[in-house]
Amino acid sequence: MEYWQRLRDLREDRDFKQEDIAKILEIDTSYYGKYERGLHEMKIWQIIKLCLVYNVCSDYVLGLTNEPKPLFTKEVST
């Protein structure tokens, strides 16, 4: 699975809209949509931020593993 496909799955599983994630990343909603379609590559700080938001390891976000290991055992605010 490509990482951009995983981005959409994570967002939808947590009932976020693209505009919600775009606000978190401080980018335009249409630009975030291009990330989910694989038209633009994300910056590393954006991937890290999404790992924190979704509480999953970067290997999972990047599609290197199918096991969504949590970063934290308790809820963390971003």
N, C-alpha and C. Protein backbone atom coordinates (compact mmCIF):
# COMPACT_ATOMS: atom_id res chain seq x y z
N MET A 1 0.85 -1.18 0.00
CA MET A 1 0.00 0.00 0.00
C MET A 1 0.89 1.24 0.00
N GLU A 2 0.58 2.19 -0.83
CA GLU A 2 1.30 3.45 -0.88
C GLU A 2 0.93 4.31 0.33
N TYR A 3 1.88 5.11 0.78
CA TYR A 3 1.61 5.89 2.00
C TYR A 3 0.45 6.86 1.81
N TRP A 4 0.28 7.37 0.62
CA TRP A 4 -0.81 8.33 0.41
C TRP A 4 -2.17 7.65 0.51
N GLN A 5 -2.25 6.36 0.20
CA GLN A 5 -3.50 5.62 0.40
C GLN A 5 -3.76 5.43 1.89
N ARG A 6 -2.69 5.19 2.63
CA ARG A 6 -2.83 5.00 4.07
C ARG A 6 -3.29 6.30 4.74
N LEU A 7 -2.85 7.45 4.22
CA LEU A 7 -3.27 8.74 4.77
C LEU A 7 -4.79 8.87 4.75
N ARG A 8 -5.37 8.50 3.63
CA ARG A 8 -6.83 8.60 3.51
C ARG A 8 -7.52 7.63 4.46
N ASP A 9 -7.02 6.40 4.51
CA ASP A 9 -7.62 5.40 5.41
C ASP A 9 -7.57 5.87 6.86
N LEU A 10 -6.43 6.37 7.29
CA LEU A 10 -6.30 6.85 8.67
C LEU A 10 -7.27 7.99 8.94
N ARG A 11 -7.35 8.92 8.02
CA ARG A 11 -8.24 10.07 8.20
C ARG A 11 -9.69 9.63 8.29
N GLU A 12 -10.10 8.77 7.37
CA GLU A 12 -11.50 8.33 7.35
C GLU A 12 -11.83 7.47 8.57
N ASP A 13 -10.89 6.62 8.99
CA ASP A 13 -11.13 5.77 10.17
C ASP A 13 -11.38 6.61 11.43
N ARG A 14 -10.83 7.80 11.46
CA ARG A 14 -10.99 8.67 12.63
C ARG A 14 -12.00 9.78 12.40
N ASP A 15 -12.75 9.67 11.34
CA ASP A 15 -13.83 10.60 11.01
C ASP A 15 -13.36 12.06 10.87
N PHE A 16 -12.17 12.24 10.34
CA PHE A 16 -11.69 13.58 10.02
C PHE A 16 -12.04 13.90 8.57
N LYS A 17 -12.21 15.16 8.28
CA LYS A 17 -12.37 15.63 6.91
C LYS A 17 -10.99 16.10 6.43
N GLN A 18 -10.83 16.20 5.11
CA GLN A 18 -9.57 16.70 4.59
C GLN A 18 -9.26 18.08 5.13
N GLU A 19 -10.28 18.89 5.28
CA GLU A 19 -10.04 20.25 5.78
C GLU A 19 -9.55 20.24 7.23
N ASP A 20 -9.97 19.25 8.02
CA ASP A 20 -9.49 19.14 9.40
C ASP A 20 -7.98 18.89 9.42
N ILE A 21 -7.55 17.96 8.60
CA ILE A 21 -6.12 17.63 8.56
C ILE A 21 -5.32 18.77 7.94
N ALA A 22 -5.88 19.42 6.94
CA ALA A 22 -5.20 20.57 6.33
C ALA A 22 -4.98 21.67 7.37
N LYS A 23 -5.94 21.90 8.24
CA LYS A 23 -5.79 22.90 9.29
C LYS A 23 -4.68 22.51 10.26
N ILE A 24 -4.63 21.24 10.61
CA ILE A 24 -3.58 20.75 11.52
C ILE A 24 -2.20 20.97 10.89
N LEU A 25 -2.10 20.72 9.59
CA LEU A 25 -0.83 20.87 8.89
C LEU A 25 -0.58 22.30 8.41
N GLU A 26 -1.58 23.16 8.61
CA GLU A 26 -1.49 24.56 8.21
C GLU A 26 -1.22 24.72 6.72
N ILE A 27 -2.01 23.98 5.93
CA ILE A 27 -1.93 24.06 4.48
C ILE A 27 -3.34 24.16 3.91
N ASP A 28 -3.43 24.43 2.63
CA ASP A 28 -4.71 24.52 1.94
C ASP A 28 -5.33 23.13 1.79
N THR A 29 -6.64 23.05 1.91
CA THR A 29 -7.34 21.77 1.80
C THR A 29 -7.08 21.11 0.45
N SER A 30 -7.08 21.88 -0.62
CA SER A 30 -6.86 21.29 -1.94
C SER A 30 -5.45 20.71 -2.06
N TYR A 31 -4.50 21.35 -1.39
CA TYR A 31 -3.13 20.82 -1.42
C TYR A 31 -3.05 19.51 -0.64
N TYR A 32 -3.74 19.44 0.49
CA TYR A 32 -3.76 18.17 1.24
C TYR A 32 -4.40 17.07 0.40
N GLY A 33 -5.45 17.40 -0.33
CA GLY A 33 -6.09 16.42 -1.20
C GLY A 33 -5.11 15.83 -2.21
N LYS A 34 -4.18 16.64 -2.66
CA LYS A 34 -3.15 16.16 -3.59
C LYS A 34 -2.21 15.17 -2.91
N TYR A 35 -1.98 15.33 -1.62
CA TYR A 35 -1.20 14.34 -0.88
C TYR A 35 -1.92 12.99 -0.90
N GLU A 36 -3.22 13.01 -0.63
CA GLU A 36 -3.98 11.76 -0.57
C GLU A 36 -4.13 11.10 -1.94
N ARG A 37 -3.96 11.85 -2.98
CA ARG A 37 -4.02 11.27 -4.33
C ARG A 37 -2.63 10.92 -4.87
N GLY A 38 -1.61 11.16 -4.09
CA GLY A 38 -0.25 10.84 -4.50
C GLY A 38 0.33 11.81 -5.51
N LEU A 39 -0.23 13.01 -5.61
CA LEU A 39 0.26 13.98 -6.58
C LEU A 39 1.40 14.84 -6.04
N HIS A 40 1.50 14.94 -4.72
CA HIS A 40 2.59 15.67 -4.06
C HIS A 40 3.11 14.81 -2.92
N GLU A 41 4.39 14.94 -2.64
CA GLU A 41 4.99 14.22 -1.52
C GLU A 41 4.97 15.10 -0.28
N MET A 42 4.72 14.47 0.85
CA MET A 42 4.68 15.20 2.11
C MET A 42 6.08 15.47 2.62
N LYS A 43 6.20 16.51 3.39
CA LYS A 43 7.46 16.81 4.08
C LYS A 43 7.52 15.95 5.33
N ILE A 44 8.73 15.67 5.77
CA ILE A 44 8.90 14.79 6.93
C ILE A 44 8.21 15.34 8.17
N TRP A 45 8.23 16.65 8.39
CA TRP A 45 7.59 17.20 9.58
C TRP A 45 6.08 16.98 9.53
N GLN A 46 5.51 16.96 8.32
CA GLN A 46 4.07 16.71 8.19
C GLN A 46 3.74 15.26 8.53
N ILE A 47 4.59 14.35 8.09
CA ILE A 47 4.37 12.94 8.42
C ILE A 47 4.48 12.73 9.92
N ILE A 48 5.47 13.35 10.53
CA ILE A 48 5.63 13.24 11.98
C ILE A 48 4.41 13.79 12.70
N LYS A 49 3.92 14.92 12.25
CA LYS A 49 2.74 15.52 12.88
C LYS A 49 1.53 14.58 12.77
N LEU A 50 1.36 13.95 11.60
CA LEU A 50 0.23 13.03 11.44
C LEU A 50 0.41 11.78 12.29
N CYS A 51 1.63 11.33 12.47
CA CYS A 51 1.87 10.19 13.37
C CYS A 51 1.41 10.54 14.78
N LEU A 52 1.68 11.76 15.19
CA LEU A 52 1.24 12.21 16.51
C LEU A 52 -0.28 12.34 16.59
N VAL A 53 -0.89 12.88 15.55
CA VAL A 53 -2.34 13.05 15.52
C VAL A 53 -3.05 11.70 15.56
N TYR A 54 -2.56 10.77 14.74
CA TYR A 54 -3.21 9.46 14.64
C TYR A 54 -2.69 8.45 15.65
N ASN A 55 -1.61 8.82 16.36
CA ASN A 55 -0.98 7.94 17.35
C ASN A 55 -0.60 6.59 16.74
N VAL A 56 0.13 6.67 15.64
CA VAL A 56 0.66 5.46 14.99
C VAL A 56 2.12 5.71 14.62
N CYS A 57 2.87 4.64 14.49
CA CYS A 57 4.28 4.76 14.13
C CYS A 57 4.43 5.18 12.66
N SER A 58 5.56 5.79 12.37
CA SER A 58 5.80 6.26 11.00
C SER A 58 5.89 5.10 10.01
N ASP A 59 6.36 3.95 10.44
CA ASP A 59 6.41 2.79 9.54
C ASP A 59 5.02 2.44 9.02
N TYR A 60 4.03 2.58 9.87
CA TYR A 60 2.65 2.30 9.45
C TYR A 60 2.16 3.35 8.46
N VAL A 61 2.38 4.61 8.76
CA VAL A 61 1.95 5.69 7.86
C VAL A 61 2.63 5.54 6.50
N LEU A 62 3.90 5.18 6.51
CA LEU A 62 4.65 5.06 5.26
C LEU A 62 4.39 3.77 4.51
N GLY A 63 3.60 2.88 5.08
CA GLY A 63 3.27 1.63 4.40
C GLY A 63 4.34 0.56 4.51
N LEU A 64 5.26 0.72 5.46
CA LEU A 64 6.33 -0.27 5.64
C LEU A 64 5.89 -1.45 6.49
N THR A 65 4.81 -1.25 7.22
CA THR A 65 4.22 -2.33 8.02
C THR A 65 2.71 -2.16 8.00
N ASN A 66 2.02 -3.25 8.25
CA ASN A 66 0.55 -3.19 8.32
C ASN A 66 0.07 -3.20 9.76
N GLU A 67 1.00 -3.13 10.70
CA GLU A 67 0.65 -3.13 12.12
C GLU A 67 0.73 -1.70 12.65
N PRO A 68 -0.41 -1.11 13.00
CA PRO A 68 -0.41 0.29 13.46
C PRO A 68 0.00 0.44 14.91
N LYS A 69 1.29 0.24 15.18
CA LYS A 69 1.78 0.36 16.55
C LYS A 69 1.58 1.78 17.06
N PRO A 70 1.02 1.92 18.24
CA PRO A 70 0.81 3.27 18.79
C PRO A 70 2.13 3.89 19.24
N LEU A 71 2.22 5.19 19.13
CA LEU A 71 3.38 5.92 19.65
C LEU A 71 3.29 6.07 21.15
N PHE A 72 2.08 6.28 21.63
CA PHE A 72 1.85 6.54 23.04
C PHE A 72 0.74 5.65 23.55
N THR A 73 0.83 5.29 24.82
CA THR A 73 -0.24 4.49 25.41
C THR A 73 -1.36 5.37 25.96
N LYS A 74 -1.07 6.65 26.16
CA LYS A 74 -2.09 7.60 26.62
C LYS A 74 -2.33 8.62 25.53
N GLU A 75 -3.47 9.25 25.57
CA GLU A 75 -3.85 10.29 24.61
C GLU A 75 -2.94 11.50 24.76
N VAL A 76 -2.46 12.03 23.65
CA VAL A 76 -1.59 13.19 23.64
C VAL A 76 -2.23 14.29 22.82
N SER A 77 -2.18 15.51 23.31
CA SER A 77 -2.75 16.61 22.53
C SER A 77 -1.66 17.21 21.64
N THR A 78 -2.05 17.58 20.40
CA THR A 78 -1.07 18.15 19.46
C THR A 78 -1.37 19.60 19.21
